[in-house]
């Protein structure tokens, strides 16, 4: 006579743990995003190009509003990915810098974490706009920094603005957790 197998995994208590459920959903969503982006969106190119075009347009408008004169685009150039101001250097905006990955990480957290769907919809859209505008401010600042000292570009690009941008995403998550997904709802699931 055999004894029945039991334990947290078999009885399903592991999957009832809200942290395990959150991590499981987040990992599955991330894997889905990764496959979709790497095999469909990125090769097609239109998504990254649209984000970069928007960043260049908004950053250029912001720089002009601040009184800077932009370096003119090369004549007959297609697929412009650069921006710069007179007296500085052109900055090249690559796919990795367009914010798509940040959009995904923000939305994955939002979708995996409990909370009312009516709030997830508007908060997700608001978060994407905020992240995009933070990236615009980052490009504006980097365009100005290279007019002062080109050597400061790499440090600020690689460290300062990573902290700023990811810090803003963390604040968005924090507000979601504290305001829209109270701990009692997490425990109730």
C-alpha atoms as a PDB file:
ATOM      1  CA  UNK A   1       0.000   0.000   0.000  1.00  0.00           C
ATOM      2  CA  UNK A   2       1.459   3.336  -0.994  1.00  0.00           C
ATOM      3  CA  UNK A   3       1.172   6.510   0.979  1.00  0.00           C
ATOM      4  CA  UNK A   4      -0.187   9.569  -0.779  1.00  0.00           C
ATOM      5  CA  UNK A   5       2.377  12.165  -1.743  1.00  0.00           C
ATOM      6  CA  UNK A   6       1.868  15.467  -0.024  1.00  0.00           C
ATOM      7  CA  UNK A   7       3.725  18.679   0.405  1.00  0.00           C
ATOM      8  CA  UNK A   8       3.380  22.354  -0.381  1.00  0.00           C
ATOM      9  CA  UNK A   9       3.832  21.921  -4.134  1.00  0.00           C
ATOM     10  CA  UNK A  10       1.406  19.019  -4.461  1.00  0.00           C
ATOM     11  CA  UNK A  11      -1.263  20.564  -2.268  1.00  0.00           C
ATOM     12  CA  UNK A  12      -1.040  23.849  -4.140  1.00  0.00           C
ATOM     13  CA  UNK A  13      -0.078  25.977  -1.144  1.00  0.00           C
ATOM     14  CA  UNK A  14       3.045  27.176  -2.951  1.00  0.00           C
ATOM     15  CA  UNK A  15       0.884  28.626  -5.704  1.00  0.00           C
ATOM     16  CA  UNK A  16      -1.341  30.288  -3.122  1.00  0.00           C
ATOM     17  CA  UNK A  17       1.640  32.215  -1.781  1.00  0.00           C
ATOM     18  CA  UNK A  18       1.212  35.742  -3.235  1.00  0.00           C
ATOM     19  CA  UNK A  19       4.957  36.288  -3.660  1.00  0.00           C
ATOM     20  CA  UNK A  20       5.422  33.027  -5.581  1.00  0.00           C
ATOM     21  CA  UNK A  21       2.361  33.836  -7.698  1.00  0.00           C
ATOM     22  CA  UNK A  22       3.648  37.371  -8.404  1.00  0.00           C
ATOM     23  CA  UNK A  23       7.104  36.096  -9.372  1.00  0.00           C
ATOM     24  CA  UNK A  24       5.647  33.316 -11.517  1.00  0.00           C
ATOM     25  CA  UNK A  25       3.333  35.671 -13.402  1.00  0.00           C
ATOM     26  CA  UNK A  26       6.136  38.249 -13.798  1.00  0.00           C
ATOM     27  CA  UNK A  27       8.549  35.653 -15.189  1.00  0.00           C
ATOM     28  CA  UNK A  28       5.940  34.329 -17.636  1.00  0.00           C
ATOM     29  CA  UNK A  29       5.035  37.850 -18.786  1.00  0.00           C
ATOM     30  CA  UNK A  30       8.702  38.736 -19.196  1.00  0.00           C
ATOM     31  CA  UNK A  31       9.372  35.619 -21.247  1.00  0.00           C
ATOM     32  CA  UNK A  32       6.343  36.452 -23.404  1.00  0.00           C
ATOM     33  CA  UNK A  33       7.582  40.018 -23.883  1.00  0.00           C
ATOM     34  CA  UNK A  34      11.095  38.841 -24.688  1.00  0.00           C
ATOM     35  CA  UNK A  35       9.940  36.401 -27.362  1.00  0.00           C
ATOM     36  CA  UNK A  36       7.479  38.914 -28.843  1.00  0.00           C
ATOM     37  CA  UNK A  37      10.057  41.722 -28.913  1.00  0.00           C
ATOM     38  CA  UNK A  38      13.063  39.722 -30.117  1.00  0.00           C
ATOM     39  CA  UNK A  39      11.264  37.739 -32.811  1.00  0.00           C
ATOM     40  CA  UNK A  40       8.562  40.146 -33.995  1.00  0.00           C
ATOM     41  CA  UNK A  41       8.784  43.785 -32.877  1.00  0.00           C
ATOM     42  CA  UNK A  42      12.529  44.328 -33.053  1.00  0.00           C
ATOM     43  CA  UNK A  43      13.074  42.688 -36.448  1.00  0.00           C
ATOM     44  CA  UNK A  44      10.143  44.640 -37.908  1.00  0.00           C
ATOM     45  CA  UNK A  45      11.803  47.857 -36.730  1.00  0.00           C
ATOM     46  CA  UNK A  46       8.734  50.095 -36.757  1.00  0.00           C
ATOM     47  CA  UNK A  47       8.218  50.049 -32.972  1.00  0.00           C
ATOM     48  CA  UNK A  48      11.785  51.078 -32.123  1.00  0.00           C
ATOM     49  CA  UNK A  49      11.809  53.642 -34.942  1.00  0.00           C
ATOM     50  CA  UNK A  50       8.560  55.204 -33.710  1.00  0.00           C
ATOM     51  CA  UNK A  51       9.895  55.509 -30.156  1.00  0.00           C
ATOM     52  CA  UNK A  52      13.181  57.004 -31.349  1.00  0.00           C
ATOM     53  CA  UNK A  53      11.425  59.448 -33.708  1.00  0.00           C
ATOM     54  CA  UNK A  54       9.224  60.578 -30.822  1.00  0.00           C
ATOM     55  CA  UNK A  55      12.246  60.985 -28.524  1.00  0.00           C
ATOM     56  CA  UNK A  56      14.115  63.033 -31.140  1.00  0.00           C
ATOM     57  CA  UNK A  57      11.096  65.227 -31.897  1.00  0.00           C
ATOM     58  CA  UNK A  58      10.210  65.898 -28.242  1.00  0.00           C
ATOM     59  CA  UNK A  59      13.850  66.353 -27.179  1.00  0.00           C
ATOM     60  CA  UNK A  60      14.491  68.707 -30.096  1.00  0.00           C
ATOM     61  CA  UNK A  61      11.426  70.766 -29.203  1.00  0.00           C
ATOM     62  CA  UNK A  62      12.544  70.894 -25.582  1.00  0.00           C
ATOM     63  CA  UNK A  63      16.058  71.977 -26.511  1.00  0.00           C
ATOM     64  CA  UNK A  64      14.732  74.698 -28.829  1.00  0.00           C
ATOM     65  CA  UNK A  65      12.367  75.844 -26.085  1.00  0.00           C
ATOM     66  CA  UNK A  66      15.409  76.202 -23.820  1.00  0.00           C
ATOM     67  CA  UNK A  67      17.086  78.374 -26.487  1.00  0.00           C
ATOM     68  CA  UNK A  68      19.460  75.840 -28.022  1.00  0.00           C
ATOM     69  CA  UNK A  69      19.993  75.615 -31.767  1.00  0.00           C
ATOM     70  CA  UNK A  70      19.914  72.075 -33.071  1.00  0.00           C
ATOM     71  CA  UNK A  71      22.572  70.637 -35.342  1.00  0.00           C
ATOM     72  CA  UNK A  72      20.781  70.318 -38.707  1.00  0.00           C
ATOM     73  CA  UNK A  73      19.890  66.867 -39.978  1.00  0.00           C
ATOM     74  CA  UNK A  74      22.044  65.631 -42.850  1.00  0.00           C
ATOM     75  CA  UNK A  75      20.501  66.254 -46.264  1.00  0.00           C
ATOM     76  CA  UNK A  76      18.772  63.222 -47.815  1.00  0.00           C
ATOM     77  CA  UNK A  77      19.354  61.168 -44.686  1.00  0.00           C
ATOM     78  CA  UNK A  78      16.793  58.504 -43.861  1.00  0.00           C
ATOM     79  CA  UNK A  79      16.096  57.002 -40.471  1.00  0.00           C
ATOM     80  CA  UNK A  80      17.692  59.793 -38.448  1.00  0.00           C
ATOM     81  CA  UNK A  81      18.673  58.576 -34.990  1.00  0.00           C
ATOM     82  CA  UNK A  82      20.760  61.526 -33.855  1.00  0.00           C
ATOM     83  CA  UNK A  83      20.184  64.769 -32.046  1.00  0.00           C
ATOM     84  CA  UNK A  84      22.554  67.463 -30.892  1.00  0.00           C
ATOM     85  CA  UNK A  85      22.914  71.163 -30.297  1.00  0.00           C
ATOM     86  CA  UNK A  86      25.314  73.624 -31.870  1.00  0.00           C
ATOM     87  CA  UNK A  87      28.606  73.631 -29.998  1.00  0.00           C
ATOM     88  CA  UNK A  88      28.193  70.016 -28.984  1.00  0.00           C
ATOM     89  CA  UNK A  89      28.184  66.612 -30.600  1.00  0.00           C
ATOM     90  CA  UNK A  90      25.438  64.504 -32.100  1.00  0.00           C
ATOM     91  CA  UNK A  91      24.007  61.843 -29.803  1.00  0.00           C
ATOM     92  CA  UNK A  92      22.992  58.582 -31.406  1.00  0.00           C
ATOM     93  CA  UNK A  93      19.864  56.979 -29.927  1.00  0.00           C
ATOM     94  CA  UNK A  94      19.987  53.217 -30.201  1.00  0.00           C
ATOM     95  CA  UNK A  95      17.185  50.726 -29.761  1.00  0.00           C
ATOM     96  CA  UNK A  96      18.419  49.885 -26.265  1.00  0.00           C
ATOM     97  CA  UNK A  97      18.022  53.547 -25.238  1.00  0.00           C
ATOM     98  CA  UNK A  98      14.495  54.128 -26.532  1.00  0.00           C
ATOM     99  CA  UNK A  99      12.718  53.015 -23.351  1.00  0.00           C
ATOM    100  CA  UNK A 100      10.920  49.951 -24.732  1.00  0.00           C
ATOM    101  CA  UNK A 101      12.537  47.683 -22.155  1.00  0.00           C
ATOM    102  CA  UNK A 102      11.544  50.042 -19.349  1.00  0.00           C
ATOM    103  CA  UNK A 103       7.983  50.144 -20.647  1.00  0.00           C
ATOM    104  CA  UNK A 104       7.888  46.353 -20.533  1.00  0.00           C
ATOM    105  CA  UNK A 105       9.378  46.047 -17.043  1.00  0.00           C
ATOM    106  CA  UNK A 106       6.973  48.666 -15.690  1.00  0.00           C
ATOM    107  CA  UNK A 107       3.913  47.068 -17.281  1.00  0.00           C
ATOM    108  CA  UNK A 108       4.943  43.538 -16.294  1.00  0.00           C
ATOM    109  CA  UNK A 109       5.174  44.583 -12.657  1.00  0.00           C
ATOM    110  CA  UNK A 110       1.841  46.361 -12.893  1.00  0.00           C
ATOM    111  CA  UNK A 111       0.106  43.407 -14.511  1.00  0.00           C
ATOM    112  CA  UNK A 112       1.642  40.801 -12.197  1.00  0.00           C
ATOM    113  CA  UNK A 113       0.907  42.735  -9.013  1.00  0.00           C
ATOM    114  CA  UNK A 114      -2.650  42.687  -7.675  1.00  0.00           C
ATOM    115  CA  UNK A 115      -4.918  45.649  -8.101  1.00  0.00           C
ATOM    116  CA  UNK A 116      -8.116  46.712  -9.829  1.00  0.00           C
ATOM    117  CA  UNK A 117      -8.001  46.512 -13.624  1.00  0.00           C
ATOM    118  CA  UNK A 118      -9.738  49.865 -14.036  1.00  0.00           C
ATOM    119  CA  UNK A 119      -6.771  51.472 -12.267  1.00  0.00           C
ATOM    120  CA  UNK A 120      -4.188  49.308 -14.050  1.00  0.00           C
ATOM    121  CA  UNK A 121      -5.375  50.644 -17.410  1.00  0.00           C
ATOM    122  CA  UNK A 122      -5.065  54.355 -16.692  1.00  0.00           C
ATOM    123  CA  UNK A 123      -2.052  54.004 -14.378  1.00  0.00           C
ATOM    124  CA  UNK A 124      -0.235  51.889 -16.958  1.00  0.00           C
ATOM    125  CA  UNK A 125      -0.841  54.504 -19.661  1.00  0.00           C
ATOM    126  CA  UNK A 126       0.202  57.328 -17.328  1.00  0.00           C
ATOM    127  CA  UNK A 127       3.329  55.415 -16.330  1.00  0.00           C
ATOM    128  CA  UNK A 128       4.334  54.897 -19.967  1.00  0.00           C
ATOM    129  CA  UNK A 129       3.951  58.619 -20.664  1.00  0.00           C
ATOM    130  CA  UNK A 130       5.989  59.515 -17.562  1.00  0.00           C
ATOM    131  CA  UNK A 131       8.760  57.058 -18.469  1.00  0.00           C
ATOM    132  CA  UNK A 132       8.863  58.419 -22.034  1.00  0.00           C
ATOM    133  CA  UNK A 133       9.052  62.018 -20.784  1.00  0.00           C
ATOM    134  CA  UNK A 134      11.815  61.105 -18.322  1.00  0.00           C
ATOM    135  CA  UNK A 135      13.715  59.638 -21.269  1.00  0.00           C
ATOM    136  CA  UNK A 136      13.127  62.881 -23.208  1.00  0.00           C
ATOM    137  CA  UNK A 137      14.562  64.881 -20.284  1.00  0.00           C
ATOM    138  CA  UNK A 138      17.521  62.477 -20.197  1.00  0.00           C
ATOM    139  CA  UNK A 139      18.269  63.111 -23.876  1.00  0.00           C
ATOM    140  CA  UNK A 140      17.913  66.871 -23.410  1.00  0.00           C
ATOM    141  CA  UNK A 141      20.333  66.775 -20.478  1.00  0.00           C
ATOM    142  CA  UNK A 142      22.846  64.598 -22.355  1.00  0.00           C
ATOM    143  CA  UNK A 143      22.665  66.937 -25.376  1.00  0.00           C
ATOM    144  CA  UNK A 144      23.522  69.858 -23.112  1.00  0.00           C
ATOM    145  CA  UNK A 145      26.215  67.930 -21.221  1.00  0.00           C
ATOM    146  CA  UNK A 146      28.181  67.232 -24.415  1.00  0.00           C
ATOM    147  CA  UNK A 147      28.298  70.972 -25.135  1.00  0.00           C
ATOM    148  CA  UNK A 148      30.049  71.439 -21.787  1.00  0.00           C
ATOM    149  CA  UNK A 149      32.395  68.449 -21.747  1.00  0.00           C
ATOM    150  CA  UNK A 150      32.139  65.382 -23.967  1.00  0.00           C
ATOM    151  CA  UNK A 151      34.027  63.311 -21.393  1.00  0.00           C
ATOM    152  CA  UNK A 152      31.043  63.623 -19.027  1.00  0.00           C
ATOM    153  CA  UNK A 153      28.734  61.877 -21.508  1.00  0.00           C
ATOM    154  CA  UNK A 154      29.630  58.257 -20.751  1.00  0.00           C
ATOM    155  CA  UNK A 155      29.484  58.604 -16.977  1.00  0.00           C
ATOM    156  CA  UNK A 156      26.130  60.394 -17.050  1.00  0.00           C
ATOM    157  CA  UNK A 157      24.682  58.050 -19.678  1.00  0.00           C
ATOM    158  CA  UNK A 158      25.869  54.890 -17.930  1.00  0.00           C
ATOM    159  CA  UNK A 159      25.359  55.814 -14.285  1.00  0.00           C
ATOM    160  CA  UNK A 160      23.571  59.065 -13.445  1.00  0.00           C
ATOM    161  CA  UNK A 161      20.619  58.609 -15.746  1.00  0.00           C
ATOM    162  CA  UNK A 162      20.249  54.902 -15.028  1.00  0.00           C
ATOM    163  CA  UNK A 163      19.725  55.826 -11.396  1.00  0.00           C
ATOM    164  CA  UNK A 164      17.308  58.619 -12.321  1.00  0.00           C
ATOM    165  CA  UNK A 165      15.250  56.634 -14.840  1.00  0.00           C
ATOM    166  CA  UNK A 166      15.087  53.411 -12.834  1.00  0.00           C
ATOM    167  CA  UNK A 167      14.451  55.475  -9.700  1.00  0.00           C
ATOM    168  CA  UNK A 168      11.387  57.004 -11.384  1.00  0.00           C
ATOM    169  CA  UNK A 169      10.145  53.545 -12.397  1.00  0.00           C
ATOM    170  CA  UNK A 170      10.639  52.369  -8.814  1.00  0.00           C
ATOM    171  CA  UNK A 171       8.631  55.379  -7.542  1.00  0.00           C
ATOM    172  CA  UNK A 172       5.822  54.522  -9.982  1.00  0.00           C
ATOM    173  CA  UNK A 173       5.800  50.945  -8.645  1.00  0.00           C
ATOM    174  CA  UNK A 174       5.879  52.194  -5.053  1.00  0.00           C
ATOM    175  CA  UNK A 175       2.879  54.456  -5.655  1.00  0.00           C
ATOM    176  CA  UNK A 176       1.017  51.538  -7.241  1.00  0.00           C
ATOM    177  CA  UNK A 177       1.718  49.232  -4.300  1.00  0.00           C
ATOM    178  CA  UNK A 178       0.883  51.825  -1.642  1.00  0.00           C
ATOM    179  CA  UNK A 179      -2.093  53.490  -3.307  1.00  0.00           C
ATOM    180  CA  UNK A 180      -3.808  50.996  -5.582  1.00  0.00           C
ATOM    181  CA  UNK A 181      -2.841  47.513  -4.378  1.00  0.00           C
ATOM    182  CA  UNK A 182      -3.083  47.473  -0.604  1.00  0.00           C
ATOM    183  CA  UNK A 183      -1.468  44.580   1.265  1.00  0.00           C
ATOM    184  CA  UNK A 184      -4.857  43.295   2.363  1.00  0.00           C
ATOM    185  CA  UNK A 185      -5.769  42.650  -1.295  1.00  0.00           C
ATOM    186  CA  UNK A 186      -2.469  40.834  -1.838  1.00  0.00           C
ATOM    187  CA  UNK A 187      -3.176  38.554   1.118  1.00  0.00           C
ATOM    188  CA  UNK A 188      -6.780  38.000   0.023  1.00  0.00           C
ATOM    189  CA  UNK A 189      -5.710  36.480  -3.297  1.00  0.00           C
END
